N, C-alpha and C. Protein backbone atom coordinates (compact mmCIF):
# COMPACT_ATOMS: atom_id res chain seq x y z
N UNK A 1 -10.98 -12.01 15.17
CA UNK A 1 -9.95 -12.06 14.15
C UNK A 1 -10.34 -11.22 12.93
N UNK A 2 -11.65 -11.26 12.62
CA UNK A 2 -12.12 -10.50 11.47
C UNK A 2 -11.89 -9.00 11.66
N UNK A 3 -12.17 -8.50 12.84
CA UNK A 3 -11.98 -7.07 13.11
C UNK A 3 -10.51 -6.69 12.98
N UNK A 4 -9.63 -7.52 13.49
CA UNK A 4 -8.19 -7.24 13.40
C UNK A 4 -7.74 -7.24 11.94
N UNK A 5 -8.18 -8.21 11.17
CA UNK A 5 -7.75 -8.28 9.77
C UNK A 5 -8.29 -7.09 8.98
N UNK A 6 -9.55 -6.75 9.21
CA UNK A 6 -10.15 -5.61 8.50
C UNK A 6 -9.44 -4.32 8.87
N UNK A 7 -9.08 -4.17 10.13
CA UNK A 7 -8.39 -2.97 10.59
C UNK A 7 -7.02 -2.83 9.94
N UNK A 8 -6.27 -3.92 9.89
CA UNK A 8 -4.94 -3.88 9.28
C UNK A 8 -5.04 -3.59 7.78
N UNK A 9 -5.97 -4.23 7.11
CA UNK A 9 -6.15 -3.98 5.67
C UNK A 9 -6.53 -2.52 5.43
N UNK A 10 -7.43 -1.99 6.25
CA UNK A 10 -7.84 -0.58 6.12
C UNK A 10 -6.65 0.35 6.35
N UNK A 11 -5.83 0.06 7.36
CA UNK A 11 -4.65 0.89 7.63
C UNK A 11 -3.65 0.85 6.47
N UNK A 12 -3.48 -0.30 5.87
CA UNK A 12 -2.59 -0.40 4.71
C UNK A 12 -3.17 0.41 3.54
N UNK A 13 -4.48 0.35 3.38
CA UNK A 13 -5.13 1.16 2.35
C UNK A 13 -4.93 2.65 2.59
N UNK A 14 -5.07 3.07 3.84
CA UNK A 14 -4.87 4.48 4.19
C UNK A 14 -3.41 4.88 3.96
N UNK A 15 -2.49 3.99 4.30
CA UNK A 15 -1.07 4.26 4.03
C UNK A 15 -0.84 4.51 2.54
N UNK A 16 -1.50 3.75 1.70
CA UNK A 16 -1.30 3.94 0.26
C UNK A 16 -1.99 5.20 -0.26
N UNK A 17 -3.03 5.65 0.41
CA UNK A 17 -3.60 6.96 0.07
C UNK A 17 -2.58 8.05 0.43
N UNK A 18 -1.95 7.91 1.58
CA UNK A 18 -0.90 8.86 1.98
C UNK A 18 0.24 8.88 0.96
N UNK A 19 0.66 7.70 0.53
CA UNK A 19 1.73 7.64 -0.49
C UNK A 19 1.26 8.29 -1.78
N UNK A 20 0.02 8.07 -2.18
CA UNK A 20 -0.54 8.72 -3.36
C UNK A 20 -0.43 10.24 -3.24
N UNK A 21 -0.85 10.78 -2.11
CA UNK A 21 -0.80 12.23 -1.91
C UNK A 21 0.63 12.74 -1.99
N UNK A 22 1.55 12.02 -1.34
CA UNK A 22 2.95 12.44 -1.37
C UNK A 22 3.51 12.43 -2.79
N UNK A 23 3.21 11.38 -3.54
CA UNK A 23 3.80 11.25 -4.87
C UNK A 23 3.09 12.10 -5.92
N UNK A 24 1.81 12.28 -5.80
CA UNK A 24 1.08 13.03 -6.82
C UNK A 24 1.02 14.53 -6.56
N UNK A 25 0.93 14.91 -5.28
CA UNK A 25 0.66 16.31 -4.98
C UNK A 25 1.74 17.01 -4.15
N UNK A 26 2.52 16.25 -3.41
CA UNK A 26 3.53 16.86 -2.54
C UNK A 26 4.96 16.47 -2.92
N UNK A 27 5.15 15.99 -4.13
CA UNK A 27 6.45 15.49 -4.57
C UNK A 27 7.56 16.53 -4.43
N UNK A 28 7.21 17.78 -4.61
CA UNK A 28 8.21 18.85 -4.55
C UNK A 28 8.17 19.58 -3.20
N UNK A 29 7.90 18.85 -2.14
CA UNK A 29 7.87 19.44 -0.80
C UNK A 29 9.03 18.90 0.04
N UNK A 30 9.34 19.62 1.09
CA UNK A 30 10.40 19.17 2.00
C UNK A 30 10.07 17.80 2.59
N UNK A 31 8.82 17.60 2.90
CA UNK A 31 8.40 16.31 3.47
C UNK A 31 8.71 15.17 2.51
N UNK A 32 8.40 15.37 1.24
CA UNK A 32 8.68 14.32 0.24
C UNK A 32 10.19 14.15 0.03
N UNK A 33 10.93 15.25 0.03
CA UNK A 33 12.38 15.13 -0.11
C UNK A 33 12.95 14.23 0.99
N UNK A 34 12.48 14.43 2.22
CA UNK A 34 12.95 13.62 3.35
C UNK A 34 12.47 12.18 3.23
N UNK A 35 11.21 12.01 2.92
CA UNK A 35 10.62 10.66 2.88
C UNK A 35 11.21 9.80 1.77
N UNK A 36 11.46 10.43 0.63
CA UNK A 36 11.92 9.66 -0.53
C UNK A 36 13.39 9.86 -0.85
N UNK A 37 14.07 10.67 -0.06
CA UNK A 37 15.49 10.87 -0.26
C UNK A 37 15.83 11.57 -1.56
N UNK A 38 15.01 12.55 -1.93
CA UNK A 38 15.26 13.28 -3.18
C UNK A 38 15.70 14.71 -2.87
N UNK A 39 15.94 15.43 -3.93
CA UNK A 39 16.32 16.84 -3.84
C UNK A 39 15.38 17.62 -4.75
N UNK A 40 15.35 18.95 -4.62
CA UNK A 40 14.50 19.73 -5.53
C UNK A 40 14.83 19.48 -7.00
N UNK A 41 16.10 19.30 -7.31
CA UNK A 41 16.50 19.07 -8.69
C UNK A 41 15.98 17.72 -9.21
N UNK A 42 16.15 16.70 -8.38
CA UNK A 42 15.67 15.37 -8.79
C UNK A 42 14.14 15.37 -8.86
N UNK A 43 13.50 16.01 -7.90
CA UNK A 43 12.04 16.05 -7.88
C UNK A 43 11.48 16.74 -9.11
N UNK A 44 12.13 17.79 -9.56
CA UNK A 44 11.65 18.50 -10.76
C UNK A 44 11.66 17.58 -11.98
N UNK A 45 12.70 16.77 -12.07
CA UNK A 45 12.84 15.87 -13.23
C UNK A 45 11.89 14.67 -13.12
N UNK A 46 11.71 14.18 -11.92
CA UNK A 46 10.96 12.93 -11.73
C UNK A 46 9.49 13.12 -11.37
N UNK A 47 9.02 14.34 -11.30
CA UNK A 47 7.63 14.59 -10.89
C UNK A 47 6.59 13.81 -11.71
N UNK A 48 6.70 13.77 -13.05
CA UNK A 48 5.70 12.99 -13.79
C UNK A 48 5.74 11.49 -13.46
N UNK A 49 6.95 10.96 -13.26
CA UNK A 49 7.07 9.55 -12.89
C UNK A 49 6.47 9.28 -11.51
N UNK A 50 6.74 10.19 -10.58
CA UNK A 50 6.21 10.04 -9.22
C UNK A 50 4.68 10.11 -9.23
N UNK A 51 4.13 11.01 -10.03
CA UNK A 51 2.67 11.13 -10.10
C UNK A 51 2.05 9.84 -10.65
N UNK A 52 2.68 9.26 -11.64
CA UNK A 52 2.20 7.99 -12.19
C UNK A 52 2.27 6.90 -11.12
N UNK A 53 3.36 6.85 -10.41
CA UNK A 53 3.53 5.87 -9.34
C UNK A 53 2.50 6.10 -8.25
N UNK A 54 2.22 7.36 -7.93
CA UNK A 54 1.20 7.68 -6.94
C UNK A 54 -0.17 7.18 -7.36
N UNK A 55 -0.47 7.29 -8.65
CA UNK A 55 -1.75 6.80 -9.15
C UNK A 55 -1.87 5.30 -8.92
N UNK A 56 -0.80 4.57 -9.17
CA UNK A 56 -0.82 3.13 -8.92
C UNK A 56 -1.03 2.82 -7.44
N UNK A 57 -0.43 3.61 -6.57
CA UNK A 57 -0.66 3.43 -5.14
C UNK A 57 -2.13 3.69 -4.80
N UNK A 58 -2.74 4.62 -5.51
CA UNK A 58 -4.16 4.88 -5.33
C UNK A 58 -5.01 3.69 -5.73
N UNK A 59 -4.62 3.00 -6.80
CA UNK A 59 -5.35 1.79 -7.20
C UNK A 59 -5.22 0.70 -6.14
N UNK A 60 -4.03 0.57 -5.57
CA UNK A 60 -3.85 -0.40 -4.48
C UNK A 60 -4.74 -0.04 -3.29
N UNK A 61 -4.76 1.23 -2.93
CA UNK A 61 -5.59 1.68 -1.81
C UNK A 61 -7.07 1.41 -2.11
N UNK A 62 -7.50 1.72 -3.31
CA UNK A 62 -8.90 1.50 -3.67
C UNK A 62 -9.26 0.02 -3.56
N UNK A 63 -8.39 -0.85 -4.03
CA UNK A 63 -8.66 -2.28 -3.96
C UNK A 63 -8.71 -2.78 -2.53
N UNK A 64 -7.78 -2.33 -1.71
CA UNK A 64 -7.77 -2.75 -0.30
C UNK A 64 -9.03 -2.29 0.41
N UNK A 65 -9.40 -1.04 0.21
CA UNK A 65 -10.60 -0.51 0.89
C UNK A 65 -11.87 -1.13 0.33
N UNK A 66 -11.87 -1.45 -0.96
CA UNK A 66 -13.01 -2.17 -1.56
C UNK A 66 -13.17 -3.51 -0.86
N UNK A 67 -12.05 -4.19 -0.62
CA UNK A 67 -12.11 -5.48 0.07
C UNK A 67 -12.64 -5.35 1.49
N UNK A 68 -12.35 -4.24 2.15
CA UNK A 68 -12.82 -4.04 3.52
C UNK A 68 -14.32 -3.78 3.55
N UNK A 69 -14.84 -3.02 2.60
CA UNK A 69 -16.26 -2.65 2.65
C UNK A 69 -17.17 -3.60 1.88
N UNK A 70 -16.60 -4.53 1.13
CA UNK A 70 -17.45 -5.42 0.34
C UNK A 70 -18.36 -6.23 1.26
N UNK A 71 -19.66 -6.28 0.96
CA UNK A 71 -20.61 -6.93 1.86
C UNK A 71 -20.55 -8.46 1.87
N UNK A 72 -19.98 -9.05 0.84
CA UNK A 72 -19.91 -10.50 0.75
C UNK A 72 -18.54 -10.96 1.25
N UNK A 73 -18.50 -11.51 2.47
CA UNK A 73 -17.23 -11.92 3.08
C UNK A 73 -16.50 -12.96 2.25
N UNK A 74 -17.25 -13.83 1.56
CA UNK A 74 -16.62 -14.87 0.75
C UNK A 74 -15.82 -14.26 -0.41
N UNK A 75 -16.26 -13.13 -0.88
CA UNK A 75 -15.54 -12.45 -1.97
C UNK A 75 -14.57 -11.42 -1.42
N UNK A 76 -14.91 -10.79 -0.31
CA UNK A 76 -14.07 -9.73 0.26
C UNK A 76 -12.68 -10.24 0.61
N UNK A 77 -12.58 -11.42 1.18
CA UNK A 77 -11.26 -11.94 1.56
C UNK A 77 -10.41 -12.21 0.32
N UNK A 78 -11.05 -12.58 -0.79
CA UNK A 78 -10.30 -12.80 -2.04
C UNK A 78 -9.76 -11.47 -2.58
N UNK A 79 -10.56 -10.42 -2.51
CA UNK A 79 -10.12 -9.09 -2.94
C UNK A 79 -8.95 -8.64 -2.07
N UNK A 80 -9.12 -8.78 -0.77
CA UNK A 80 -8.06 -8.36 0.17
C UNK A 80 -6.78 -9.15 -0.08
N UNK A 81 -6.90 -10.45 -0.28
CA UNK A 81 -5.73 -11.30 -0.52
C UNK A 81 -5.00 -10.85 -1.78
N UNK A 82 -5.73 -10.61 -2.85
CA UNK A 82 -5.11 -10.19 -4.11
C UNK A 82 -4.35 -8.88 -3.93
N UNK A 83 -5.00 -7.89 -3.35
CA UNK A 83 -4.35 -6.58 -3.24
C UNK A 83 -3.22 -6.58 -2.21
N UNK A 84 -3.34 -7.36 -1.15
CA UNK A 84 -2.23 -7.48 -0.21
C UNK A 84 -1.03 -8.15 -0.88
N UNK A 85 -1.28 -9.14 -1.71
CA UNK A 85 -0.17 -9.76 -2.46
C UNK A 85 0.47 -8.77 -3.42
N UNK A 86 -0.35 -7.94 -4.06
CA UNK A 86 0.19 -6.90 -4.95
C UNK A 86 1.10 -5.95 -4.18
N UNK A 87 0.67 -5.53 -3.01
CA UNK A 87 1.48 -4.63 -2.18
C UNK A 87 2.77 -5.32 -1.76
N UNK A 88 2.68 -6.57 -1.36
CA UNK A 88 3.87 -7.31 -0.92
C UNK A 88 4.88 -7.44 -2.06
N UNK A 89 4.42 -7.79 -3.23
CA UNK A 89 5.33 -7.94 -4.38
C UNK A 89 5.94 -6.60 -4.75
N UNK A 90 5.13 -5.54 -4.76
CA UNK A 90 5.65 -4.21 -5.05
C UNK A 90 6.69 -3.80 -4.02
N UNK A 91 6.46 -4.16 -2.76
CA UNK A 91 7.41 -3.83 -1.70
C UNK A 91 8.73 -4.58 -1.85
N UNK A 92 8.66 -5.84 -2.22
CA UNK A 92 9.88 -6.62 -2.44
C UNK A 92 10.67 -6.03 -3.61
N UNK A 93 9.96 -5.71 -4.68
CA UNK A 93 10.62 -5.14 -5.85
C UNK A 93 11.23 -3.77 -5.51
N UNK A 94 10.48 -2.95 -4.81
CA UNK A 94 10.98 -1.64 -4.41
C UNK A 94 12.19 -1.74 -3.50
N UNK A 95 12.16 -2.69 -2.58
CA UNK A 95 13.30 -2.88 -1.67
C UNK A 95 14.53 -3.35 -2.44
N UNK A 96 14.33 -4.17 -3.45
CA UNK A 96 15.46 -4.69 -4.23
C UNK A 96 16.03 -3.65 -5.19
N UNK A 97 15.18 -2.73 -5.65
CA UNK A 97 15.63 -1.82 -6.71
C UNK A 97 15.79 -0.36 -6.28
N UNK A 98 15.14 0.03 -5.18
CA UNK A 98 15.15 1.44 -4.80
C UNK A 98 15.76 1.66 -3.42
N UNK A 99 15.07 1.14 -2.40
CA UNK A 99 15.47 1.42 -1.02
C UNK A 99 14.99 0.28 -0.13
N UNK A 100 15.88 -0.26 0.67
CA UNK A 100 15.56 -1.42 1.50
C UNK A 100 14.40 -1.15 2.46
N UNK A 101 14.25 0.08 2.92
CA UNK A 101 13.20 0.38 3.89
C UNK A 101 11.80 0.16 3.34
N UNK A 102 11.66 0.12 2.01
CA UNK A 102 10.35 -0.16 1.40
C UNK A 102 9.83 -1.52 1.85
N UNK A 103 10.74 -2.44 2.07
CA UNK A 103 10.36 -3.77 2.55
C UNK A 103 9.60 -3.67 3.87
N UNK A 104 10.05 -2.78 4.75
CA UNK A 104 9.43 -2.65 6.07
C UNK A 104 8.18 -1.78 6.06
N UNK A 105 8.10 -0.89 5.07
CA UNK A 105 6.94 0.00 4.97
C UNK A 105 5.79 -0.68 4.25
N UNK A 106 6.10 -1.51 3.25
CA UNK A 106 5.05 -2.13 2.45
C UNK A 106 4.93 -3.64 2.65
N UNK A 107 6.02 -4.36 2.50
CA UNK A 107 5.92 -5.82 2.49
C UNK A 107 5.58 -6.40 3.86
N UNK A 108 6.24 -5.94 4.90
CA UNK A 108 5.97 -6.50 6.23
C UNK A 108 4.52 -6.25 6.65
N UNK A 109 4.00 -5.01 6.54
CA UNK A 109 2.58 -4.83 6.91
C UNK A 109 1.62 -5.65 6.04
N UNK A 110 1.91 -5.75 4.75
CA UNK A 110 1.01 -6.53 3.89
C UNK A 110 1.08 -8.02 4.22
N UNK A 111 2.26 -8.53 4.61
CA UNK A 111 2.37 -9.93 5.01
C UNK A 111 1.59 -10.18 6.31
N UNK A 112 1.66 -9.25 7.24
CA UNK A 112 0.88 -9.37 8.48
C UNK A 112 -0.61 -9.33 8.15
N UNK A 113 -1.00 -8.38 7.30
CA UNK A 113 -2.39 -8.29 6.89
C UNK A 113 -2.87 -9.56 6.19
N UNK A 114 -2.03 -10.10 5.33
CA UNK A 114 -2.38 -11.32 4.61
C UNK A 114 -2.58 -12.49 5.58
N UNK A 115 -1.67 -12.61 6.55
CA UNK A 115 -1.81 -13.67 7.55
C UNK A 115 -3.12 -13.52 8.33
N UNK A 116 -3.44 -12.30 8.72
CA UNK A 116 -4.68 -12.06 9.48
C UNK A 116 -5.92 -12.34 8.63
N UNK A 117 -5.87 -11.93 7.36
CA UNK A 117 -7.01 -12.18 6.47
C UNK A 117 -7.22 -13.68 6.30
N UNK A 118 -6.14 -14.41 6.09
CA UNK A 118 -6.27 -15.86 5.90
C UNK A 118 -6.73 -16.55 7.18
N UNK A 119 -6.24 -16.11 8.33
CA UNK A 119 -6.70 -16.68 9.60
C UNK A 119 -8.18 -16.39 9.84
N UNK A 120 -8.59 -15.15 9.54
CA UNK A 120 -10.00 -14.79 9.70
C UNK A 120 -10.88 -15.62 8.78
N UNK A 121 -10.41 -15.83 7.56
CA UNK A 121 -11.19 -16.63 6.60
C UNK A 121 -11.32 -18.07 7.08
N UNK A 122 -10.22 -18.64 7.58
CA UNK A 122 -10.27 -20.02 8.08
C UNK A 122 -11.17 -20.15 9.30
N UNK A 123 -11.26 -19.07 10.09
CA UNK A 123 -12.12 -19.09 11.27
C UNK A 123 -13.59 -18.88 10.91
N UNK A 124 -13.83 -18.63 9.63
CA UNK A 124 -15.21 -18.46 9.19
C UNK A 124 -15.67 -17.02 9.12
N UNK A 125 -14.73 -16.06 9.19
CA UNK A 125 -15.07 -14.64 9.19
C UNK A 125 -15.14 -14.03 7.86
């Protein structure tokens, strides 16, 4: 169970690194236009906001990956739980205010990760 939970948390962290790259460095690319439903005109205006948002995604990724590599399992699961909850709340807010698909990209994976982390912790992992 521990391996499964660590793997899911790591994948969510990697996903947020990808989001960071898209928002901070590729915001004005065709890939970002498709992914975020923007246009070159909107991207030009919103680039500073997207970069700031990307930075926050980087903090989420850093926290998730910190939780995966932390050597003390008793503390690592707490770190993972906190950052998975942050991702889930951000996903719910994003789905309510921006685009419903954010719920499936962020909240659902973080809820699965949270369940696995809690199960692994209860199993003594």
